[in-house]
Amino acid sequence: MIFPEGLSSLEEFRFFNDEIRKVHPKVYLLANMTEFGKTPYIPFNNFKEAGYNCVIYPVSTLRIAMKAIDVFLDDLVQNGTVENSLKK
């Protein structure tokens, strides 16, 4: 699996795919969609169309988890119990 770093457009991802597959047609390609990097927000399906096998969102999942923790801790401080967080 190859992870091209620091590409700044979908066109660059497509170009990399086209060029690497000339030499290694069966290579697996990974795109890393981390926030605040050089890569703009690109829809998931566009990577598939550009020849990528997987896309990871490592910082996105961490940010979402931390937001939920923030909400939980605020509620705990305000109410002194975890009861509200356990309701479904």
Protein backbone atom coordinates (compact mmCIF):
# COMPACT_ATOMS: atom_id res chain seq x y z
CA MET A 1 0.00 0.00 0.00
CA ILE A 2 1.26 3.45 -0.89
CA PHE A 3 0.24 6.63 0.87
CA PRO A 4 1.11 9.71 -1.21
CA GLU A 5 1.71 12.58 1.18
CA GLY A 6 0.80 16.24 0.77
CA LEU A 7 -1.22 16.16 -2.44
CA SER A 8 -3.19 19.35 -2.87
CA SER A 9 -5.98 18.51 -5.31
CA LEU A 10 -8.06 15.66 -6.65
CA GLU A 11 -6.22 16.09 -9.93
CA GLU A 12 -2.92 15.34 -8.16
CA PHE A 13 -4.43 12.20 -6.63
CA ARG A 14 -5.60 11.08 -10.08
CA PHE A 15 -2.23 11.85 -11.63
CA PHE A 16 -0.40 9.87 -8.94
CA ASN A 17 -2.75 6.92 -9.45
CA ASP A 18 -2.29 6.98 -13.22
CA GLU A 19 1.50 7.17 -13.00
CA ILE A 20 2.08 4.56 -10.27
CA ARG A 21 -0.20 2.04 -11.94
CA LYS A 22 1.92 2.16 -15.10
CA VAL A 23 4.68 0.52 -13.05
CA HIS A 24 2.65 -1.28 -10.35
CA PRO A 25 -0.87 -1.92 -11.67
CA LYS A 26 -2.05 -3.85 -8.59
CA VAL A 27 -0.79 -1.45 -5.93
CA TYR A 28 -3.17 -0.41 -3.17
CA LEU A 29 -3.45 3.34 -2.65
CA LEU A 30 -4.38 5.11 0.57
CA ALA A 31 -5.58 8.69 0.87
CA ASN A 32 -5.27 10.46 4.21
CA MET A 33 -7.92 13.12 4.79
CA THR A 34 -6.54 14.92 7.80
CA GLU A 35 -7.87 18.36 8.57
CA PHE A 36 -5.77 21.45 8.04
CA GLY A 37 -3.29 19.76 5.72
CA LYS A 38 -2.53 20.54 2.09
CA THR A 39 -5.40 18.40 0.80
CA PRO A 40 -8.75 20.18 0.48
CA TYR A 41 -11.95 18.44 1.58
CA ILE A 42 -12.60 15.87 -1.13
CA PRO A 43 -15.74 13.70 -1.12
CA PHE A 44 -15.14 10.04 -0.29
CA ASN A 45 -16.51 8.71 -3.59
CA ASN A 46 -14.13 10.90 -5.59
CA PHE A 47 -11.20 8.91 -4.23
CA LYS A 48 -12.73 5.66 -5.43
CA GLU A 49 -13.21 7.18 -8.87
CA ALA A 50 -9.58 8.35 -8.79
CA GLY A 51 -8.37 4.79 -8.16
CA TYR A 52 -7.80 4.80 -4.40
CA ASN A 53 -8.52 1.70 -2.34
CA CYS A 54 -9.02 3.30 1.04
CA VAL A 55 -9.37 6.68 2.69
CA ILE A 56 -8.63 7.34 6.35
CA TYR A 57 -9.94 10.20 8.47
CA PRO A 58 -7.74 9.84 11.57
CA VAL A 59 -8.08 13.31 13.04
CA SER A 60 -11.78 13.60 12.18
CA THR A 61 -12.70 10.63 14.34
CA LEU A 62 -10.59 11.98 17.20
CA ARG A 63 -12.26 15.41 16.98
CA ILE A 64 -15.75 13.86 17.02
CA ALA A 65 -14.87 11.69 20.02
CA MET A 66 -13.40 14.65 21.89
CA LYS A 67 -16.57 16.70 21.25
CA ALA A 68 -18.67 13.93 22.81
CA ILE A 69 -16.30 13.83 25.80
CA ASP A 70 -16.60 17.61 26.15
CA VAL A 71 -20.40 17.43 26.19
CA PHE A 72 -20.28 14.61 28.75
CA LEU A 73 -17.89 16.47 31.07
CA ASP A 74 -19.93 19.70 30.87
CA ASP A 75 -23.06 17.78 31.81
CA LEU A 76 -21.23 16.00 34.65
CA VAL A 77 -20.03 19.33 36.07
CA GLN A 78 -23.49 20.91 35.78
CA ASN A 79 -25.49 17.98 37.17
CA GLY A 80 -22.98 16.13 39.33
CA THR A 81 -23.95 12.75 37.87
CA VAL A 82 -23.58 10.67 34.73
CA GLU A 83 -27.31 9.92 34.65
CA ASN A 84 -28.09 12.15 31.63
CA SER A 85 -25.29 10.57 29.62
CA LEU A 86 -26.66 7.09 30.19
CA LYS A 87 -30.13 7.87 28.84
CA LYS A 88 -30.80 6.49 25.37
